[in-house]
């Protein structure tokens, strides 16, 4: 029996898989960060040191986001339907994160 899933259905499904995966990872990071912040509030912290560490993290993440967009572009341009949806998903997520991290990095530099 032939696979009845169309090419566009595979691309859409794989795009969705990427979004679910990235969402799960981001949710895990948020939970970890929430716990770390709660601990720092109890034990004390240096606000200036935290701001500088946050800026470094945002700058590194912004650079990684460019890599994500590049990898997604390669996957999407591969010509293979199985990789296209994943590529488009990575491009969308990487682009959002690039804007999110970049804007927050620039905003943190002005304060």
N, C-alpha and C. Protein backbone atom coordinates (compact mmCIF):
# COMPACT_ATOMS: atom_id res chain seq x y z
N UNK A 1 0.85 -1.18 0.00
CA UNK A 1 0.00 0.00 0.00
C UNK A 1 0.89 1.24 0.00
N UNK A 2 0.57 2.17 -0.88
CA UNK A 2 1.35 3.39 -0.98
C UNK A 2 1.01 4.35 0.16
N UNK A 3 2.00 5.17 0.50
CA UNK A 3 1.79 6.18 1.53
C UNK A 3 0.83 7.23 0.99
N UNK A 4 -0.28 7.45 1.66
CA UNK A 4 -1.29 8.39 1.17
C UNK A 4 -1.08 9.81 1.67
N UNK A 5 -0.04 10.05 2.42
CA UNK A 5 0.24 11.39 2.92
C UNK A 5 0.90 12.19 1.80
N UNK A 6 0.32 13.34 1.48
CA UNK A 6 0.86 14.15 0.40
C UNK A 6 2.14 14.86 0.85
N UNK A 7 2.87 15.34 -0.13
CA UNK A 7 4.11 16.05 0.15
C UNK A 7 3.87 17.28 1.02
N UNK A 8 2.81 18.05 0.70
CA UNK A 8 2.54 19.25 1.49
C UNK A 8 2.11 18.88 2.92
N UNK A 9 1.43 17.74 3.08
CA UNK A 9 1.05 17.30 4.43
C UNK A 9 2.28 16.97 5.25
N UNK A 10 3.27 16.33 4.63
CA UNK A 10 4.52 16.00 5.34
C UNK A 10 5.25 17.27 5.77
N UNK A 11 5.29 18.25 4.87
CA UNK A 11 5.97 19.50 5.19
C UNK A 11 5.26 20.19 6.35
N UNK A 12 3.93 20.22 6.29
CA UNK A 12 3.15 20.85 7.37
C UNK A 12 3.34 20.11 8.68
N UNK A 13 3.30 18.79 8.63
CA UNK A 13 3.49 17.98 9.85
C UNK A 13 4.87 18.24 10.45
N UNK A 14 5.91 18.21 9.62
CA UNK A 14 7.27 18.40 10.12
C UNK A 14 7.49 19.81 10.65
N UNK A 15 6.84 20.80 10.02
CA UNK A 15 6.88 22.17 10.52
C UNK A 15 6.29 22.20 11.93
N UNK A 16 5.16 21.53 12.11
CA UNK A 16 4.52 21.46 13.42
C UNK A 16 5.38 20.75 14.46
N UNK A 17 6.04 19.68 14.03
CA UNK A 17 6.93 18.94 14.94
C UNK A 17 8.03 19.87 15.45
N UNK A 18 8.59 20.67 14.57
CA UNK A 18 9.62 21.62 14.98
C UNK A 18 9.08 22.61 16.00
N UNK A 19 7.89 23.13 15.76
CA UNK A 19 7.31 24.10 16.69
C UNK A 19 7.04 23.48 18.06
N UNK A 20 6.54 22.26 18.07
CA UNK A 20 6.31 21.58 19.35
C UNK A 20 7.63 21.35 20.08
N UNK A 21 8.64 20.89 19.35
CA UNK A 21 9.95 20.64 19.95
C UNK A 21 10.58 21.90 20.53
N UNK A 22 10.57 22.97 19.75
CA UNK A 22 11.15 24.23 20.23
C UNK A 22 10.36 24.75 21.42
N UNK A 23 9.03 24.62 21.39
CA UNK A 23 8.21 25.07 22.51
C UNK A 23 8.52 24.30 23.79
N UNK A 24 8.71 22.99 23.66
CA UNK A 24 9.03 22.16 24.83
C UNK A 24 10.39 22.56 25.41
N UNK A 25 11.36 22.79 24.55
CA UNK A 25 12.69 23.19 25.01
C UNK A 25 12.62 24.55 25.69
N UNK A 26 11.94 25.51 25.07
CA UNK A 26 11.82 26.85 25.66
C UNK A 26 11.08 26.80 27.00
N UNK A 27 10.05 25.94 27.08
CA UNK A 27 9.34 25.78 28.35
C UNK A 27 10.25 25.23 29.44
N UNK A 28 11.08 24.25 29.09
CA UNK A 28 12.04 23.69 30.05
C UNK A 28 13.04 24.73 30.52
N UNK A 29 13.52 25.53 29.59
CA UNK A 29 14.47 26.61 29.95
C UNK A 29 13.80 27.60 30.88
N UNK A 30 12.55 27.95 30.60
CA UNK A 30 11.82 28.91 31.45
C UNK A 30 11.64 28.36 32.86
N UNK A 31 11.30 27.08 32.99
CA UNK A 31 11.15 26.49 34.32
C UNK A 31 12.47 26.49 35.09
N UNK A 32 13.55 26.13 34.39
CA UNK A 32 14.87 26.15 35.02
C UNK A 32 15.22 27.56 35.48
N UNK A 33 14.99 28.54 34.62
CA UNK A 33 15.31 29.94 34.95
C UNK A 33 14.48 30.42 36.13
N UNK A 34 13.22 30.04 36.17
CA UNK A 34 12.34 30.45 37.28
C UNK A 34 12.88 29.93 38.60
N UNK A 35 13.32 28.68 38.60
CA UNK A 35 13.87 28.09 39.83
C UNK A 35 15.18 28.77 40.22
N UNK A 36 16.02 29.06 39.23
CA UNK A 36 17.30 29.72 39.51
C UNK A 36 17.09 31.12 40.07
N UNK A 37 16.12 31.83 39.53
CA UNK A 37 15.83 33.19 40.02
C UNK A 37 15.30 33.13 41.45
N UNK A 38 14.42 32.20 41.72
CA UNK A 38 13.89 32.06 43.09
C UNK A 38 15.02 31.78 44.08
N UNK A 39 15.95 30.93 43.69
CA UNK A 39 17.09 30.61 44.57
C UNK A 39 17.96 31.85 44.79
N UNK A 40 18.21 32.60 43.72
CA UNK A 40 19.05 33.80 43.85
C UNK A 40 18.38 34.86 44.73
N UNK A 41 17.08 34.94 44.67
CA UNK A 41 16.36 35.90 45.52
C UNK A 41 16.51 35.56 46.99
N UNK A 42 16.58 34.27 47.28
CA UNK A 42 16.73 33.83 48.67
C UNK A 42 18.15 34.01 49.16
N UNK A 43 19.13 33.73 48.30
CA UNK A 43 20.53 33.73 48.71
C UNK A 43 21.22 35.06 48.44
N UNK A 44 20.60 35.91 47.65
CA UNK A 44 21.21 37.20 47.32
C UNK A 44 21.99 37.14 46.01
N UNK A 45 22.12 38.31 45.38
CA UNK A 45 22.82 38.39 44.11
C UNK A 45 23.27 39.82 43.86
N UNK A 46 24.22 39.96 42.95
CA UNK A 46 24.73 41.27 42.55
C UNK A 46 24.01 41.68 41.26
N UNK A 47 23.13 42.68 41.32
CA UNK A 47 22.35 43.06 40.14
C UNK A 47 23.20 43.42 38.92
N UNK A 48 24.31 44.11 39.13
CA UNK A 48 25.16 44.50 38.00
C UNK A 48 25.81 43.28 37.35
N UNK A 49 26.25 42.34 38.17
CA UNK A 49 26.84 41.10 37.64
C UNK A 49 25.78 40.31 36.87
N UNK A 50 24.58 40.24 37.40
CA UNK A 50 23.49 39.53 36.73
C UNK A 50 23.16 40.19 35.39
N UNK A 51 23.13 41.52 35.35
CA UNK A 51 22.84 42.23 34.11
C UNK A 51 23.89 41.93 33.05
N UNK A 52 25.16 41.96 33.45
CA UNK A 52 26.24 41.67 32.50
C UNK A 52 26.18 40.23 32.00
N UNK A 53 25.90 39.29 32.90
CA UNK A 53 25.77 37.89 32.49
C UNK A 53 24.59 37.72 31.53
N UNK A 54 23.50 38.41 31.83
CA UNK A 54 22.32 38.34 30.97
C UNK A 54 22.64 38.89 29.59
N UNK A 55 23.37 40.00 29.53
CA UNK A 55 23.75 40.57 28.24
C UNK A 55 24.62 39.61 27.44
N UNK A 56 25.57 38.97 28.10
CA UNK A 56 26.43 38.00 27.41
C UNK A 56 25.60 36.83 26.86
N UNK A 57 24.66 36.36 27.67
CA UNK A 57 23.80 35.26 27.25
C UNK A 57 22.96 35.67 26.04
N UNK A 58 22.38 36.87 26.09
CA UNK A 58 21.57 37.35 24.96
C UNK A 58 22.41 37.50 23.70
N UNK A 59 23.62 38.01 23.83
CA UNK A 59 24.49 38.19 22.65
C UNK A 59 24.85 36.83 22.06
N UNK A 60 25.22 35.88 22.90
CA UNK A 60 25.53 34.53 22.42
C UNK A 60 24.31 33.91 21.75
N UNK A 61 23.15 34.04 22.38
CA UNK A 61 21.93 33.47 21.80
C UNK A 61 21.60 34.11 20.46
N UNK A 62 21.81 35.42 20.33
CA UNK A 62 21.54 36.10 19.06
C UNK A 62 22.45 35.54 17.96
N UNK A 63 23.70 35.28 18.28
CA UNK A 63 24.62 34.69 17.30
C UNK A 63 24.18 33.27 16.94
N UNK A 64 23.75 32.50 17.95
CA UNK A 64 23.27 31.14 17.68
C UNK A 64 22.00 31.16 16.82
N UNK A 65 21.17 32.17 17.02
CA UNK A 65 19.95 32.29 16.22
C UNK A 65 20.27 32.43 14.74
N UNK A 66 21.33 33.14 14.42
CA UNK A 66 21.76 33.27 13.02
C UNK A 66 22.15 31.89 12.47
N UNK A 67 22.81 31.09 13.30
CA UNK A 67 23.17 29.73 12.89
C UNK A 67 21.91 28.90 12.66
N UNK A 68 20.93 29.01 13.56
CA UNK A 68 19.68 28.27 13.39
C UNK A 68 19.02 28.63 12.06
N UNK A 69 18.96 29.92 11.75
CA UNK A 69 18.33 30.36 10.50
C UNK A 69 19.10 29.77 9.30
N UNK A 70 20.41 29.77 9.38
CA UNK A 70 21.23 29.19 8.30
C UNK A 70 20.98 27.70 8.13
N UNK A 71 20.96 26.97 9.24
CA UNK A 71 20.71 25.52 9.17
C UNK A 71 19.31 25.27 8.62
N UNK A 72 18.33 26.03 9.09
CA UNK A 72 16.97 25.88 8.58
C UNK A 72 16.89 26.15 7.09
N UNK A 73 17.63 27.15 6.63
CA UNK A 73 17.65 27.47 5.20
C UNK A 73 18.23 26.33 4.38
N UNK A 74 19.30 25.73 4.89
CA UNK A 74 19.90 24.59 4.19
C UNK A 74 18.91 23.42 4.13
N UNK A 75 18.24 23.15 5.24
CA UNK A 75 17.26 22.06 5.25
C UNK A 75 16.11 22.34 4.28
N UNK A 76 15.59 23.56 4.32
CA UNK A 76 14.47 23.92 3.45
C UNK A 76 14.85 23.87 1.98
N UNK A 77 16.08 24.21 1.66
CA UNK A 77 16.53 24.25 0.27
C UNK A 77 17.05 22.90 -0.22
N UNK A 78 17.02 21.89 0.64
CA UNK A 78 17.60 20.59 0.30
C UNK A 78 16.87 19.89 -0.85
N UNK A 79 15.63 20.27 -1.08
CA UNK A 79 14.85 19.61 -2.12
C UNK A 79 14.17 18.34 -1.62
N UNK A 80 14.42 17.97 -0.39
CA UNK A 80 13.80 16.77 0.18
C UNK A 80 12.60 17.18 1.03
N UNK A 81 11.44 16.63 0.67
CA UNK A 81 10.23 16.99 1.41
C UNK A 81 10.35 16.73 2.90
N UNK A 82 11.02 15.66 3.28
CA UNK A 82 11.17 15.31 4.70
C UNK A 82 11.93 16.40 5.46
N UNK A 83 12.82 17.11 4.78
CA UNK A 83 13.62 18.13 5.45
C UNK A 83 13.02 19.53 5.32
N UNK A 84 12.20 19.76 4.32
CA UNK A 84 11.64 21.10 4.09
C UNK A 84 10.86 21.62 5.29
N UNK A 85 9.93 20.82 5.79
CA UNK A 85 9.10 21.25 6.92
C UNK A 85 9.93 21.56 8.14
N UNK A 86 10.92 20.70 8.40
CA UNK A 86 11.81 20.95 9.54
C UNK A 86 12.59 22.24 9.30
N UNK A 87 13.05 22.43 8.08
CA UNK A 87 13.79 23.64 7.75
C UNK A 87 12.97 24.90 7.95
N UNK A 88 11.74 24.88 7.44
CA UNK A 88 10.86 26.04 7.61
C UNK A 88 10.59 26.30 9.10
N UNK A 89 10.40 25.23 9.85
CA UNK A 89 10.16 25.39 11.29
C UNK A 89 11.35 26.02 12.00
N UNK A 90 12.55 25.57 11.64
CA UNK A 90 13.77 26.12 12.26
C UNK A 90 13.95 27.58 11.85
N UNK A 91 13.65 27.90 10.60
CA UNK A 91 13.77 29.30 10.14
C UNK A 91 12.83 30.20 10.94
N UNK A 92 11.58 29.77 11.11
CA UNK A 92 10.60 30.59 11.84
C UNK A 92 11.03 30.76 13.30
N UNK A 93 11.40 29.67 13.95
CA UNK A 93 11.81 29.75 15.35
C UNK A 93 13.09 30.57 15.50
N UNK A 94 14.08 30.31 14.64
CA UNK A 94 15.34 31.06 14.71
C UNK A 94 15.14 32.54 14.47
N UNK A 95 14.24 32.88 13.53
CA UNK A 95 13.97 34.29 13.23
C UNK A 95 13.30 34.98 14.41
N UNK A 96 12.32 34.30 15.01
CA UNK A 96 11.67 34.88 16.19
C UNK A 96 12.68 35.09 17.31
N UNK A 97 13.48 34.06 17.56
CA UNK A 97 14.46 34.16 18.64
C UNK A 97 15.51 35.22 18.35
N UNK A 98 15.89 35.38 17.08
CA UNK A 98 16.85 36.42 16.70
C UNK A 98 16.28 37.80 17.07
N UNK A 99 15.03 38.03 16.73
CA UNK A 99 14.41 39.31 17.07
C UNK A 99 14.25 39.46 18.58
N UNK A 100 13.78 38.41 19.24
CA UNK A 100 13.56 38.45 20.69
C UNK A 100 14.87 38.70 21.44
N UNK A 101 15.87 37.89 21.14
CA UNK A 101 17.16 38.03 21.83
C UNK A 101 17.84 39.34 21.46
N UNK A 102 17.79 39.70 20.19
CA UNK A 102 18.45 40.93 19.74
C UNK A 102 17.84 42.17 20.35
N UNK A 103 16.52 42.24 20.37
CA UNK A 103 15.83 43.40 20.96
C UNK A 103 16.11 43.47 22.45
N UNK A 104 16.07 42.32 23.13
CA UNK A 104 16.35 42.33 24.57
C UNK A 104 17.80 42.69 24.85
N UNK A 105 18.72 42.24 23.99
CA UNK A 105 20.13 42.60 24.17
C UNK A 105 20.30 44.11 24.03
N UNK A 106 19.75 44.69 22.96
CA UNK A 106 19.87 46.13 22.75
C UNK A 106 19.19 46.91 23.87
N UNK A 107 18.06 46.42 24.33
CA UNK A 107 17.35 47.08 25.43
C UNK A 107 18.16 47.02 26.72
N UNK A 108 18.84 45.92 26.96
CA UNK A 108 19.62 45.79 28.20
C UNK A 108 20.86 46.69 28.18
N UNK A 109 21.31 47.08 27.00
CA UNK A 109 22.47 47.95 26.90
C UNK A 109 22.12 49.40 27.21
N UNK A 110 20.85 49.77 27.11
CA UNK A 110 20.45 51.16 27.33
C UNK A 110 20.13 51.45 28.79
N UNK A 111 20.13 50.45 29.62
CA UNK A 111 19.79 50.65 31.04
C UNK A 111 21.02 50.56 31.90
